């Protein structure tokens, strides 16, 4: 199992709608709107890195109102 944080910038005023929409995507553990340089932070999981990448590109990035994403895989050192 691979987990990652996805940091999301949205259009002005769209953070809560984006977080709610992303929260309904399979594999998303948590999606919260926040303040700071990013508007939404998501914790997601998938079976493989490839599956995670497909979820981000095919599902998360397709949510209306998103302007940019940054995916940060969790590592265990």
PDB file of N, CA and C in Angstrom:
ATOM      1  N   UNK A   1       0.850  -1.176   0.000  1.00  0.00           N
ATOM      2  CA  UNK A   1       0.000   0.000   0.000  1.00  0.00           C
ATOM      3  C   UNK A   1       0.895   1.239   0.000  1.00  0.00           C
ATOM      4  N   UNK A   2       0.592   2.178  -0.870  1.00  0.00           N
ATOM      5  CA  UNK A   2       1.316   3.442  -0.987  1.00  0.00           C
ATOM      6  C   UNK A   2       0.384   4.559  -0.552  1.00  0.00           C
ATOM      7  N   UNK A   3       0.895   5.465   0.279  1.00  0.00           N
ATOM      8  CA  UNK A   3       0.112   6.622   0.685  1.00  0.00           C
ATOM      9  C   UNK A   3       0.836   7.887   0.274  1.00  0.00           C
ATOM     10  N   UNK A   4       0.073   8.964   0.109  1.00  0.00           N
ATOM     11  CA  UNK A   4       0.656  10.245  -0.281  1.00  0.00           C
ATOM     12  C   UNK A   4      -0.221  11.384   0.214  1.00  0.00           C
ATOM     13  N   UNK A   5       0.418  12.524   0.393  1.00  0.00           N
ATOM     14  CA  UNK A   5      -0.302  13.767   0.601  1.00  0.00           C
ATOM     15  C   UNK A   5      -0.365  14.474  -0.744  1.00  0.00           C
ATOM     16  N   UNK A   6      -1.513  15.001  -1.072  1.00  0.00           N
ATOM     17  CA  UNK A   6      -1.678  15.763  -2.303  1.00  0.00           C
ATOM     18  C   UNK A   6      -2.020  17.191  -1.885  1.00  0.00           C
ATOM     19  N   UNK A   7      -1.123  18.120  -2.225  1.00  0.00           N
ATOM     20  CA  UNK A   7      -1.298  19.521  -1.889  1.00  0.00           C
ATOM     21  C   UNK A   7      -1.940  20.209  -3.094  1.00  0.00           C
ATOM     22  N   UNK A   8      -3.020  20.904  -2.860  1.00  0.00           N
ATOM     23  CA  UNK A   8      -3.829  21.420  -3.964  1.00  0.00           C
ATOM     24  C   UNK A   8      -4.041  22.920  -3.839  1.00  0.00           C
ATOM     25  N   UNK A   9      -3.843  23.611  -4.951  1.00  0.00           N
ATOM     26  CA  UNK A   9      -4.228  25.017  -5.061  1.00  0.00           C
ATOM     27  C   UNK A   9      -5.506  25.063  -5.889  1.00  0.00           C
ATOM     28  N   UNK A  10      -6.421  25.936  -5.466  1.00  0.00           N
ATOM     29  CA  UNK A  10      -7.716  26.034  -6.150  1.00  0.00           C
ATOM     30  C   UNK A  10      -7.964  27.463  -6.612  1.00  0.00           C
ATOM     31  N   UNK A  11      -8.991  27.607  -7.414  1.00  0.00           N
ATOM     32  CA  UNK A  11      -9.472  28.938  -7.752  1.00  0.00           C
ATOM     33  C   UNK A  11     -10.000  29.592  -6.472  1.00  0.00           C
ATOM     34  N   UNK A  12      -9.984  30.904  -6.433  1.00  0.00           N
ATOM     35  CA  UNK A  12     -10.445  31.642  -5.258  1.00  0.00           C
ATOM     36  C   UNK A  12     -11.880  31.237  -4.910  1.00  0.00           C
ATOM     37  N   UNK A  13     -12.088  30.911  -3.628  1.00  0.00           N
ATOM     38  CA  UNK A  13     -13.423  30.571  -3.144  1.00  0.00           C
ATOM     39  C   UNK A  13     -13.888  29.156  -3.428  1.00  0.00           C
ATOM     40  N   UNK A  14     -13.018  28.308  -3.988  1.00  0.00           N
ATOM     41  CA  UNK A  14     -13.433  26.949  -4.374  1.00  0.00           C
ATOM     42  C   UNK A  14     -12.917  25.853  -3.437  1.00  0.00           C
ATOM     43  N   UNK A  15     -12.136  26.194  -2.401  1.00  0.00           N
ATOM     44  CA  UNK A  15     -11.477  25.183  -1.575  1.00  0.00           C
ATOM     45  C   UNK A  15     -12.455  24.188  -0.947  1.00  0.00           C
ATOM     46  N   UNK A  16     -13.524  24.675  -0.340  1.00  0.00           N
ATOM     47  CA  UNK A  16     -14.432  23.757   0.351  1.00  0.00           C
ATOM     48  C   UNK A  16     -15.163  22.838  -0.622  1.00  0.00           C
ATOM     49  N   UNK A  17     -15.531  23.352  -1.779  1.00  0.00           N
ATOM     50  CA  UNK A  17     -16.206  22.528  -2.789  1.00  0.00           C
ATOM     51  C   UNK A  17     -15.253  21.475  -3.340  1.00  0.00           C
ATOM     52  N   UNK A  18     -14.006  21.865  -3.590  1.00  0.00           N
ATOM     53  CA  UNK A  18     -12.999  20.928  -4.091  1.00  0.00           C
ATOM     54  C   UNK A  18     -12.737  19.839  -3.050  1.00  0.00           C
ATOM     55  N   UNK A  19     -12.549  20.224  -1.790  1.00  0.00           N
ATOM     56  CA  UNK A  19     -12.284  19.245  -0.734  1.00  0.00           C
ATOM     57  C   UNK A  19     -13.432  18.249  -0.607  1.00  0.00           C
ATOM     58  N   UNK A  20     -14.654  18.738  -0.678  1.00  0.00           N
ATOM     59  CA  UNK A  20     -15.816  17.854  -0.579  1.00  0.00           C
ATOM     60  C   UNK A  20     -15.874  16.880  -1.754  1.00  0.00           C
ATOM     61  N   UNK A  21     -15.622  17.373  -2.951  1.00  0.00           N
ATOM     62  CA  UNK A  21     -15.647  16.510  -4.136  1.00  0.00           C
ATOM     63  C   UNK A  21     -14.562  15.444  -4.072  1.00  0.00           C
ATOM     64  N   UNK A  22     -13.364  15.850  -3.699  1.00  0.00           N
ATOM     65  CA  UNK A  22     -12.255  14.899  -3.639  1.00  0.00           C
ATOM     66  C   UNK A  22     -12.467  13.873  -2.535  1.00  0.00           C
ATOM     67  N   UNK A  23     -13.117  14.275  -1.457  1.00  0.00           N
ATOM     68  CA  UNK A  23     -13.390  13.346  -0.362  1.00  0.00           C
ATOM     69  C   UNK A  23     -14.227  12.151  -0.775  1.00  0.00           C
ATOM     70  N   UNK A  24     -14.932  12.251  -1.898  1.00  0.00           N
ATOM     71  CA  UNK A  24     -15.771  11.150  -2.385  1.00  0.00           C
ATOM     72  C   UNK A  24     -15.050  10.217  -3.346  1.00  0.00           C
ATOM     73  N   UNK A  25     -13.784  10.484  -3.652  1.00  0.00           N
ATOM     74  CA  UNK A  25     -13.027   9.649  -4.583  1.00  0.00           C
ATOM     75  C   UNK A  25     -12.490   8.426  -3.854  1.00  0.00           C
ATOM     76  N   UNK A  26     -12.635   7.255  -4.462  1.00  0.00           N
ATOM     77  CA  UNK A  26     -12.119   6.016  -3.871  1.00  0.00           C
ATOM     78  C   UNK A  26     -10.611   6.129  -3.688  1.00  0.00           C
ATOM     79  N   UNK A  27     -10.130   5.764  -2.512  1.00  0.00           N
ATOM     80  CA  UNK A  27      -8.710   5.840  -2.214  1.00  0.00           C
ATOM     81  C   UNK A  27      -8.327   7.071  -1.418  1.00  0.00           C
ATOM     82  N   UNK A  28      -9.221   8.041  -1.339  1.00  0.00           N
ATOM     83  CA  UNK A  28      -8.958   9.238  -0.545  1.00  0.00           C
ATOM     84  C   UNK A  28      -9.319   8.944   0.910  1.00  0.00           C
ATOM     85  N   UNK A  29      -8.343   9.115   1.784  1.00  0.00           N
ATOM     86  CA  UNK A  29      -8.541   8.876   3.212  1.00  0.00           C
ATOM     87  C   UNK A  29      -9.132  10.114   3.875  1.00  0.00           C
ATOM     88  N   UNK A  30      -8.606  11.285   3.489  1.00  0.00           N
ATOM     89  CA  UNK A  30      -9.028  12.527   4.109  1.00  0.00           C
ATOM     90  C   UNK A  30      -8.784  13.673   3.138  1.00  0.00           C
ATOM     91  N   UNK A  31      -9.677  14.640   3.117  1.00  0.00           N
ATOM     92  CA  UNK A  31      -9.519  15.841   2.291  1.00  0.00           C
ATOM     93  C   UNK A  31     -10.019  17.021   3.106  1.00  0.00           C
ATOM     94  N   UNK A  32      -9.120  17.978   3.346  1.00  0.00           N
ATOM     95  CA  UNK A  32      -9.491  19.121   4.176  1.00  0.00           C
ATOM     96  C   UNK A  32      -9.054  20.417   3.528  1.00  0.00           C
ATOM     97  N   UNK A  33      -9.896  21.444   3.652  1.00  0.00           N
ATOM     98  CA  UNK A  33      -9.488  22.766   3.187  1.00  0.00           C
ATOM     99  C   UNK A  33      -8.686  23.419   4.311  1.00  0.00           C
ATOM    100  N   UNK A  34      -7.615  24.098   3.913  1.00  0.00           N
ATOM    101  CA  UNK A  34      -6.666  24.687   4.859  1.00  0.00           C
ATOM    102  C   UNK A  34      -6.329  26.110   4.409  1.00  0.00           C
ATOM    103  N   UNK A  35      -5.587  26.832   5.259  1.00  0.00           N
ATOM    104  CA  UNK A  35      -5.084  28.148   4.869  1.00  0.00           C
ATOM    105  C   UNK A  35      -3.588  28.033   4.611  1.00  0.00           C
ATOM    106  N   UNK A  36      -3.049  28.989   3.897  1.00  0.00           N
ATOM    107  CA  UNK A  36      -1.625  28.983   3.578  1.00  0.00           C
ATOM    108  C   UNK A  36      -1.423  28.925   2.079  1.00  0.00           C
ATOM    109  N   UNK A  37      -0.242  28.462   1.648  1.00  0.00           N
ATOM    110  CA  UNK A  37       0.050  28.451   0.217  1.00  0.00           C
ATOM    111  C   UNK A  37      -0.787  27.431  -0.566  1.00  0.00           C
ATOM    112  N   UNK A  38      -1.338  26.445   0.132  1.00  0.00           N
ATOM    113  CA  UNK A  38      -2.227  25.465  -0.501  1.00  0.00           C
ATOM    114  C   UNK A  38      -3.613  25.636   0.093  1.00  0.00           C
ATOM    115  N   UNK A  39      -4.612  25.247  -0.671  1.00  0.00           N
ATOM    116  CA  UNK A  39      -6.006  25.439  -0.252  1.00  0.00           C
ATOM    117  C   UNK A  39      -6.659  24.160   0.264  1.00  0.00           C
ATOM    118  N   UNK A  40      -6.175  23.016  -0.218  1.00  0.00           N
ATOM    119  CA  UNK A  40      -6.712  21.714   0.185  1.00  0.00           C
ATOM    120  C   UNK A  40      -5.539  20.761   0.355  1.00  0.00           C
ATOM    121  N   UNK A  41      -5.573  19.968   1.417  1.00  0.00           N
ATOM    122  CA  UNK A  41      -4.587  18.896   1.594  1.00  0.00           C
ATOM    123  C   UNK A  41      -5.345  17.583   1.684  1.00  0.00           C
ATOM    124  N   UNK A  42      -4.890  16.623   0.873  1.00  0.00           N
ATOM    125  CA  UNK A  42      -5.549  15.320   0.762  1.00  0.00           C
ATOM    126  C   UNK A  42      -4.567  14.235   1.176  1.00  0.00           C
ATOM    127  N   UNK A  43      -5.041  13.247   1.907  1.00  0.00           N
ATOM    128  CA  UNK A  43      -4.253  12.034   2.154  1.00  0.00           C
ATOM    129  C   UNK A  43      -4.945  10.922   1.384  1.00  0.00           C
ATOM    130  N   UNK A  44      -4.170  10.242   0.540  1.00  0.00           N
ATOM    131  CA  UNK A  44      -4.741   9.203  -0.327  1.00  0.00           C
ATOM    132  C   UNK A  44      -3.880   7.953  -0.265  1.00  0.00           C
ATOM    133  N   UNK A  45      -4.464   6.838  -0.687  1.00  0.00           N
ATOM    134  CA  UNK A  45      -3.721   5.586  -0.736  1.00  0.00           C
ATOM    135  C   UNK A  45      -4.128   4.783  -1.960  1.00  0.00           C
ATOM    136  N   UNK A  46      -3.191   3.949  -2.402  1.00  0.00           N
ATOM    137  CA  UNK A  46      -3.435   3.056  -3.537  1.00  0.00           C
ATOM    138  C   UNK A  46      -2.519   1.855  -3.382  1.00  0.00           C
ATOM    139  N   UNK A  47      -2.762   0.823  -4.166  1.00  0.00           N
ATOM    140  CA  UNK A  47      -1.964  -0.396  -4.075  1.00  0.00           C
ATOM    141  C   UNK A  47      -0.523  -0.190  -4.531  1.00  0.00           C
ATOM    142  N   UNK A  48      -0.331   0.609  -5.588  1.00  0.00           N
ATOM    143  CA  UNK A  48       1.011   0.831  -6.127  1.00  0.00           C
ATOM    144  C   UNK A  48       1.197   2.319  -6.439  1.00  0.00           C
ATOM    145  N   UNK A  49       2.444   2.708  -6.671  1.00  0.00           N
ATOM    146  CA  UNK A  49       2.728   4.080  -7.069  1.00  0.00           C
ATOM    147  C   UNK A  49       2.031   4.404  -8.383  1.00  0.00           C
ATOM    148  N   UNK A  50       2.025   3.448  -9.313  1.00  0.00           N
ATOM    149  CA  UNK A  50       1.345   3.666 -10.591  1.00  0.00           C
ATOM    150  C   UNK A  50      -0.152   3.904 -10.384  1.00  0.00           C
ATOM    151  N   UNK A  51      -0.773   3.111  -9.524  1.00  0.00           N
ATOM    152  CA  UNK A  51      -2.199   3.298  -9.236  1.00  0.00           C
ATOM    153  C   UNK A  51      -2.453   4.661  -8.608  1.00  0.00           C
ATOM    154  N   UNK A  52      -1.567   5.079  -7.732  1.00  0.00           N
ATOM    155  CA  UNK A  52      -1.690   6.382  -7.103  1.00  0.00           C
ATOM    156  C   UNK A  52      -1.600   7.487  -8.160  1.00  0.00           C
ATOM    157  N   UNK A  53      -0.637   7.379  -9.038  1.00  0.00           N
ATOM    158  CA  UNK A  53      -0.485   8.359 -10.111  1.00  0.00           C
ATOM    159  C   UNK A  53      -1.706   8.428 -11.005  1.00  0.00           C
ATOM    160  N   UNK A  54      -2.261   7.261 -11.344  1.00  0.00           N
ATOM    161  CA  UNK A  54      -3.466   7.237 -12.173  1.00  0.00           C
ATOM    162  C   UNK A  54      -4.640   7.902 -11.455  1.00  0.00           C
ATOM    163  N   UNK A  55      -4.758   7.672 -10.142  1.00  0.00           N
ATOM    164  CA  UNK A  55      -5.843   8.287  -9.389  1.00  0.00           C
ATOM    165  C   UNK A  55      -5.689   9.806  -9.406  1.00  0.00           C
ATOM    166  N   UNK A  56      -4.482  10.299  -9.201  1.00  0.00           N
ATOM    167  CA  UNK A  56      -4.269  11.747  -9.173  1.00  0.00           C
ATOM    168  C   UNK A  56      -4.598  12.362 -10.530  1.00  0.00           C
ATOM    169  N   UNK A  57      -4.079  11.777 -11.591  1.00  0.00           N
ATOM    170  CA  UNK A  57      -4.270  12.356 -12.923  1.00  0.00           C
ATOM    171  C   UNK A  57      -5.703  12.166 -13.426  1.00  0.00           C
ATOM    172  N   UNK A  58      -6.264  10.979 -13.265  1.00  0.00           N
ATOM    173  CA  UNK A  58      -7.566  10.678 -13.859  1.00  0.00           C
ATOM    174  C   UNK A  58      -8.743  11.130 -13.003  1.00  0.00           C
ATOM    175  N   UNK A  59      -8.544  11.264 -11.701  1.00  0.00           N
ATOM    176  CA  UNK A  59      -9.688  11.599 -10.845  1.00  0.00           C
ATOM    177  C   UNK A  59      -9.501  12.924 -10.107  1.00  0.00           C
ATOM    178  N   UNK A  60      -8.421  13.047  -9.353  1.00  0.00           N
ATOM    179  CA  UNK A  60      -8.241  14.250  -8.534  1.00  0.00           C
ATOM    180  C   UNK A  60      -8.088  15.488  -9.415  1.00  0.00           C
ATOM    181  N   UNK A  61      -7.196  15.450 -10.379  1.00  0.00           N
ATOM    182  CA  UNK A  61      -6.942  16.635 -11.203  1.00  0.00           C
ATOM    183  C   UNK A  61      -8.122  17.002 -12.101  1.00  0.00           C
ATOM    184  N   UNK A  62      -9.091  16.139 -12.228  1.00  0.00           N
ATOM    185  CA  UNK A  62     -10.263  16.426 -13.049  1.00  0.00           C
ATOM    186  C   UNK A  62     -11.350  17.183 -12.286  1.00  0.00           C
ATOM    187  N   UNK A  63     -11.179  17.340 -10.973  1.00  0.00           N
ATOM    188  CA  UNK A  63     -12.175  18.063 -10.181  1.00  0.00           C
ATOM    189  C   UNK A  63     -12.139  19.538 -10.567  1.00  0.00           C
ATOM    190  N   UNK A  64     -13.292  20.086 -10.855  1.00  0.00           N
ATOM    191  CA  UNK A  64     -13.382  21.480 -11.275  1.00  0.00           C
ATOM    192  C   UNK A  64     -12.961  22.410 -10.142  1.00  0.00           C
ATOM    193  N   UNK A  65     -12.163  23.413 -10.484  1.00  0.00           N
ATOM    194  CA  UNK A  65     -11.723  24.392  -9.508  1.00  0.00           C
ATOM    195  C   UNK A  65     -10.277  24.244  -9.091  1.00  0.00           C
ATOM    196  N   UNK A  66      -9.630  23.139  -9.478  1.00  0.00           N
ATOM    197  CA  UNK A  66      -8.222  22.918  -9.134  1.00  0.00           C
ATOM    198  C   UNK A  66      -7.337  23.617 -10.162  1.00  0.00           C
ATOM    199  N   UNK A  67      -6.333  24.324  -9.668  1.00  0.00           N
ATOM    200  CA  UNK A  67      -5.386  24.969 -10.568  1.00  0.00           C
ATOM    201  C   UNK A  67      -4.023  24.279 -10.572  1.00  0.00           C
ATOM    202  N   UNK A  68      -3.643  23.626  -9.459  1.00  0.00           N
ATOM    203  CA  UNK A  68      -2.334  22.959  -9.388  1.00  0.00           C
ATOM    204  C   UNK A  68      -2.339  21.922  -8.275  1.00  0.00           C
ATOM    205  N   UNK A  69      -1.607  20.822  -8.501  1.00  0.00           N
ATOM    206  CA  UNK A  69      -1.440  19.806  -7.461  1.00  0.00           C
ATOM    207  C   UNK A  69       0.036  19.485  -7.292  1.00  0.00           C
ATOM    208  N   UNK A  70       0.380  19.036  -6.090  1.00  0.00           N
ATOM    209  CA  UNK A  70       1.722  18.548  -5.784  1.00  0.00           C
ATOM    210  C   UNK A  70       1.552  17.288  -4.962  1.00  0.00           C
ATOM    211  N   UNK A  71       2.006  16.151  -5.477  1.00  0.00           N
ATOM    212  CA  UNK A  71       1.844  14.869  -4.795  1.00  0.00           C
ATOM    213  C   UNK A  71       3.123  14.518  -4.052  1.00  0.00           C
ATOM    214  N   UNK A  72       2.987  14.233  -2.765  1.00  0.00           N
ATOM    215  CA  UNK A  72       4.126  13.922  -1.898  1.00  0.00           C
ATOM    216  C   UNK A  72       3.941  12.526  -1.312  1.00  0.00           C
ATOM    217  N   UNK A  73       4.566  11.498  -1.907  1.00  0.00           N
ATOM    218  CA  UNK A  73       4.429  10.142  -1.375  1.00  0.00           C
ATOM    219  C   UNK A  73       5.021  10.035   0.035  1.00  0.00           C
ATOM    220  N   UNK A  74       4.389   9.257   0.870  1.00  0.00           N
ATOM    221  CA  UNK A  74       4.868   9.003   2.220  1.00  0.00           C
ATOM    222  C   UNK A  74       5.962   7.951   2.147  1.00  0.00           C
ATOM    223  N   UNK A  75       7.087   8.207   2.818  1.00  0.00           N
ATOM    224  CA  UNK A  75       8.177   7.232   2.878  1.00  0.00           C
ATOM    225  C   UNK A  75       8.418   6.847   4.318  1.00  0.00           C
ATOM    226  N   UNK A  76       8.907   5.661   4.517  1.00  0.00           N
ATOM    227  CA  UNK A  76       9.223   5.176   5.853  1.00  0.00           C
ATOM    228  C   UNK A  76      10.719   4.924   5.907  1.00  0.00           C
ATOM    229  N   UNK A  77      11.454   5.836   6.507  1.00  0.00           N
ATOM    230  CA  UNK A  77      12.916   5.755   6.554  1.00  0.00           C
ATOM    231  C   UNK A  77      13.392   5.011   7.781  1.00  0.00           C
TER     232      UNK A  77
END
